[in-house]
Amino acid sequence: MGQLDRITQEPDTMGGKACIRGMRVTVGMVVGQVGAGHSVDEILADFPYLEREDIMQALRYAAWRAEEREVLLAPA
């Protein structure tokens, strides 16, 4: 796992969810935007206070968390 120096977790910010650089932008929000089909450039245009590396680290963090525990999915 590479360094994730842009991912922060603070109890008083967004209920302790993983956020980008202490802002009220959660990793889940960023990953949700990618999952909805938005490109990195579109996300950066919509959220000009984010940087490309913020999005890349959010994706790496989400991938790492997904590997950490078993998640039951609904049958297809």
N, C-alpha and C. Protein backbone atom coordinates (compact mmCIF):
# COMPACT_ATOMS: atom_id res chain seq x y z
N MET A 1 0.84 -1.18 0.00
CA MET A 1 0.00 0.00 0.00
C MET A 1 0.88 1.23 0.00
N GLY A 2 0.71 2.06 -1.00
CA GLY A 2 1.49 3.30 -1.06
C GLY A 2 1.03 4.28 0.00
N GLN A 3 1.75 5.36 0.11
CA GLN A 3 1.43 6.36 1.12
C GLN A 3 0.11 7.05 0.77
N LEU A 4 -0.70 7.25 1.76
CA LEU A 4 -2.00 7.90 1.60
C LEU A 4 -2.04 9.16 2.46
N ASP A 5 -1.18 10.10 2.15
CA ASP A 5 -1.05 11.29 2.98
C ASP A 5 -2.16 12.31 2.76
N ARG A 6 -3.03 12.09 1.80
CA ARG A 6 -4.14 13.02 1.54
C ARG A 6 -5.45 12.51 2.13
N ILE A 7 -5.46 11.31 2.65
CA ILE A 7 -6.67 10.74 3.24
C ILE A 7 -6.61 10.96 4.75
N THR A 8 -7.63 11.62 5.28
CA THR A 8 -7.66 11.93 6.70
C THR A 8 -8.94 11.39 7.32
N GLN A 9 -8.87 11.11 8.61
CA GLN A 9 -10.04 10.68 9.37
C GLN A 9 -10.03 11.41 10.69
N GLU A 10 -11.02 12.24 10.89
CA GLU A 10 -11.14 13.02 12.12
C GLU A 10 -12.55 12.84 12.66
N PRO A 11 -12.68 12.53 13.94
CA PRO A 11 -14.01 12.27 14.51
C PRO A 11 -15.01 13.40 14.30
N ASP A 12 -14.54 14.65 14.25
CA ASP A 12 -15.44 15.80 14.13
C ASP A 12 -15.70 16.23 12.69
N THR A 13 -15.13 15.52 11.73
CA THR A 13 -15.33 15.88 10.32
C THR A 13 -16.06 14.74 9.62
N MET A 14 -17.25 15.02 9.15
CA MET A 14 -18.07 14.06 8.41
C MET A 14 -18.27 12.76 9.18
N GLY A 15 -18.43 12.87 10.48
CA GLY A 15 -18.70 11.71 11.31
C GLY A 15 -17.57 10.70 11.36
N GLY A 16 -16.35 11.15 11.11
CA GLY A 16 -15.20 10.26 11.17
C GLY A 16 -14.94 9.48 9.90
N LYS A 17 -15.68 9.77 8.84
CA LYS A 17 -15.45 9.08 7.56
C LYS A 17 -14.12 9.54 6.96
N ALA A 18 -13.56 8.69 6.12
CA ALA A 18 -12.32 9.04 5.43
C ALA A 18 -12.60 10.20 4.48
N CYS A 19 -11.80 11.26 4.61
CA CYS A 19 -11.98 12.47 3.82
C CYS A 19 -10.71 12.83 3.07
N ILE A 20 -10.84 13.78 2.17
CA ILE A 20 -9.71 14.28 1.41
C ILE A 20 -9.15 15.50 2.12
N ARG A 21 -7.92 15.42 2.55
CA ARG A 21 -7.15 16.52 3.15
C ARG A 21 -7.93 17.31 4.20
N GLY A 22 -8.70 16.61 5.03
CA GLY A 22 -9.41 17.27 6.12
C GLY A 22 -10.62 18.07 5.67
N MET A 23 -10.92 18.06 4.38
CA MET A 23 -12.09 18.77 3.88
C MET A 23 -13.34 17.92 4.09
N ARG A 24 -14.47 18.51 3.86
CA ARG A 24 -15.73 17.80 3.99
C ARG A 24 -16.09 17.11 2.68
N VAL A 25 -15.10 16.47 2.10
CA VAL A 25 -15.25 15.69 0.87
C VAL A 25 -14.81 14.27 1.22
N THR A 26 -15.75 13.34 1.20
CA THR A 26 -15.41 11.97 1.62
C THR A 26 -14.85 11.16 0.46
N VAL A 27 -14.09 10.16 0.83
CA VAL A 27 -13.59 9.20 -0.15
C VAL A 27 -14.77 8.58 -0.88
N GLY A 28 -15.83 8.26 -0.15
CA GLY A 28 -17.02 7.67 -0.75
C GLY A 28 -17.64 8.55 -1.82
N MET A 29 -17.65 9.86 -1.60
CA MET A 29 -18.20 10.77 -2.59
C MET A 29 -17.37 10.73 -3.86
N VAL A 30 -16.06 10.74 -3.71
CA VAL A 30 -15.17 10.72 -4.88
C VAL A 30 -15.33 9.40 -5.63
N VAL A 31 -15.31 8.30 -4.91
CA VAL A 31 -15.45 6.99 -5.55
C VAL A 31 -16.83 6.87 -6.21
N GLY A 32 -17.85 7.41 -5.57
CA GLY A 32 -19.18 7.40 -6.15
C GLY A 32 -19.24 8.15 -7.47
N GLN A 33 -18.53 9.26 -7.55
CA GLN A 33 -18.49 10.03 -8.80
C GLN A 33 -17.84 9.21 -9.91
N VAL A 34 -16.75 8.53 -9.59
CA VAL A 34 -16.09 7.68 -10.59
C VAL A 34 -17.02 6.53 -10.98
N GLY A 35 -17.65 5.93 -10.00
CA GLY A 35 -18.57 4.83 -10.27
C GLY A 35 -19.78 5.23 -11.10
N ALA A 36 -20.15 6.50 -11.02
CA ALA A 36 -21.28 7.01 -11.80
C ALA A 36 -20.86 7.35 -13.23
N GLY A 37 -19.59 7.13 -13.53
CA GLY A 37 -19.12 7.35 -14.90
C GLY A 37 -18.45 8.67 -15.16
N HIS A 38 -18.24 9.46 -14.12
CA HIS A 38 -17.57 10.75 -14.31
C HIS A 38 -16.07 10.54 -14.44
N SER A 39 -15.46 11.26 -15.36
CA SER A 39 -14.01 11.16 -15.54
C SER A 39 -13.32 11.99 -14.46
N VAL A 40 -12.04 11.73 -14.29
CA VAL A 40 -11.25 12.50 -13.33
C VAL A 40 -11.32 13.98 -13.68
N ASP A 41 -11.20 14.31 -14.97
CA ASP A 41 -11.26 15.71 -15.39
C ASP A 41 -12.62 16.34 -15.08
N GLU A 42 -13.69 15.59 -15.23
CA GLU A 42 -15.02 16.12 -14.88
C GLU A 42 -15.14 16.38 -13.38
N ILE A 43 -14.61 15.47 -12.59
CA ILE A 43 -14.66 15.64 -11.13
C ILE A 43 -13.84 16.87 -10.73
N LEU A 44 -12.68 17.03 -11.33
CA LEU A 44 -11.85 18.19 -11.02
C LEU A 44 -12.53 19.49 -11.43
N ALA A 45 -13.27 19.47 -12.53
CA ALA A 45 -13.99 20.67 -12.96
C ALA A 45 -15.14 20.98 -12.00
N ASP A 46 -15.82 19.95 -11.52
CA ASP A 46 -16.95 20.14 -10.61
C ASP A 46 -16.51 20.52 -9.19
N PHE A 47 -15.33 20.07 -8.81
CA PHE A 47 -14.79 20.32 -7.47
C PHE A 47 -13.39 20.91 -7.61
N PRO A 48 -13.28 22.20 -7.94
CA PRO A 48 -11.98 22.79 -8.26
C PRO A 48 -10.98 22.81 -7.11
N TYR A 49 -11.44 22.57 -5.90
CA TYR A 49 -10.53 22.53 -4.76
C TYR A 49 -9.86 21.17 -4.61
N LEU A 50 -10.28 20.18 -5.40
CA LEU A 50 -9.61 18.88 -5.41
C LEU A 50 -8.48 18.88 -6.42
N GLU A 51 -7.54 18.00 -6.19
CA GLU A 51 -6.41 17.82 -7.10
C GLU A 51 -6.43 16.38 -7.61
N ARG A 52 -5.81 16.17 -8.74
CA ARG A 52 -5.78 14.83 -9.36
C ARG A 52 -5.30 13.77 -8.36
N GLU A 53 -4.26 14.07 -7.59
CA GLU A 53 -3.73 13.08 -6.64
C GLU A 53 -4.74 12.78 -5.53
N ASP A 54 -5.61 13.74 -5.20
CA ASP A 54 -6.68 13.47 -4.22
C ASP A 54 -7.56 12.33 -4.72
N ILE A 55 -7.93 12.39 -5.98
CA ILE A 55 -8.81 11.37 -6.56
C ILE A 55 -8.09 10.02 -6.64
N MET A 56 -6.84 10.04 -7.06
CA MET A 56 -6.07 8.80 -7.17
C MET A 56 -5.92 8.14 -5.80
N GLN A 57 -5.64 8.93 -4.78
CA GLN A 57 -5.49 8.35 -3.44
C GLN A 57 -6.83 7.86 -2.90
N ALA A 58 -7.92 8.55 -3.22
CA ALA A 58 -9.24 8.08 -2.79
C ALA A 58 -9.53 6.71 -3.39
N LEU A 59 -9.20 6.53 -4.65
CA LEU A 59 -9.41 5.24 -5.30
C LEU A 59 -8.52 4.16 -4.71
N ARG A 60 -7.26 4.48 -4.44
CA ARG A 60 -6.35 3.50 -3.82
C ARG A 60 -6.82 3.13 -2.42
N TYR A 61 -7.27 4.11 -1.67
CA TYR A 61 -7.77 3.86 -0.32
C TYR A 61 -9.01 2.95 -0.36
N ALA A 62 -9.93 3.25 -1.26
CA ALA A 62 -11.15 2.45 -1.38
C ALA A 62 -10.82 1.02 -1.78
N ALA A 63 -9.89 0.85 -2.70
CA ALA A 63 -9.49 -0.50 -3.11
C ALA A 63 -8.87 -1.25 -1.94
N TRP A 64 -8.03 -0.57 -1.19
CA TRP A 64 -7.39 -1.19 -0.03
C TRP A 64 -8.43 -1.60 1.01
N ARG A 65 -9.39 -0.71 1.28
CA ARG A 65 -10.43 -1.03 2.26
C ARG A 65 -11.31 -2.18 1.79
N ALA A 66 -11.56 -2.25 0.50
CA ALA A 66 -12.39 -3.33 -0.03
C ALA A 66 -11.71 -4.68 0.15
N GLU A 67 -10.41 -4.72 0.17
CA GLU A 67 -9.66 -5.96 0.37
C GLU A 67 -9.54 -6.34 1.84
N GLU A 68 -9.82 -5.42 2.73
CA GLU A 68 -9.59 -5.64 4.16
C GLU A 68 -10.66 -6.50 4.82
N ARG A 69 -11.84 -6.56 4.26
CA ARG A 69 -12.89 -7.33 4.90
C ARG A 69 -13.82 -7.89 3.85
N GLU A 70 -14.48 -8.93 4.23
CA GLU A 70 -15.41 -9.58 3.32
C GLU A 70 -16.73 -8.79 3.33
N VAL A 71 -17.25 -8.49 2.17
CA VAL A 71 -18.49 -7.77 2.04
C VAL A 71 -19.46 -8.66 1.29
N LEU A 72 -20.62 -8.95 1.90
CA LEU A 72 -21.63 -9.77 1.24
C LEU A 72 -22.37 -8.94 0.22
N LEU A 73 -22.44 -9.42 -0.99
CA LEU A 73 -23.14 -8.75 -2.06
C LEU A 73 -24.43 -9.51 -2.38
N ALA A 74 -25.40 -8.78 -2.88
CA ALA A 74 -26.66 -9.42 -3.29
C ALA A 74 -26.38 -10.32 -4.47
N PRO A 75 -27.05 -11.47 -4.55
CA PRO A 75 -26.85 -12.35 -5.70
C PRO A 75 -27.28 -11.67 -7.00
N ALA A 76 -26.59 -12.02 -8.08
CA ALA A 76 -26.89 -11.40 -9.39
C ALA A 76 -28.15 -11.96 -9.98
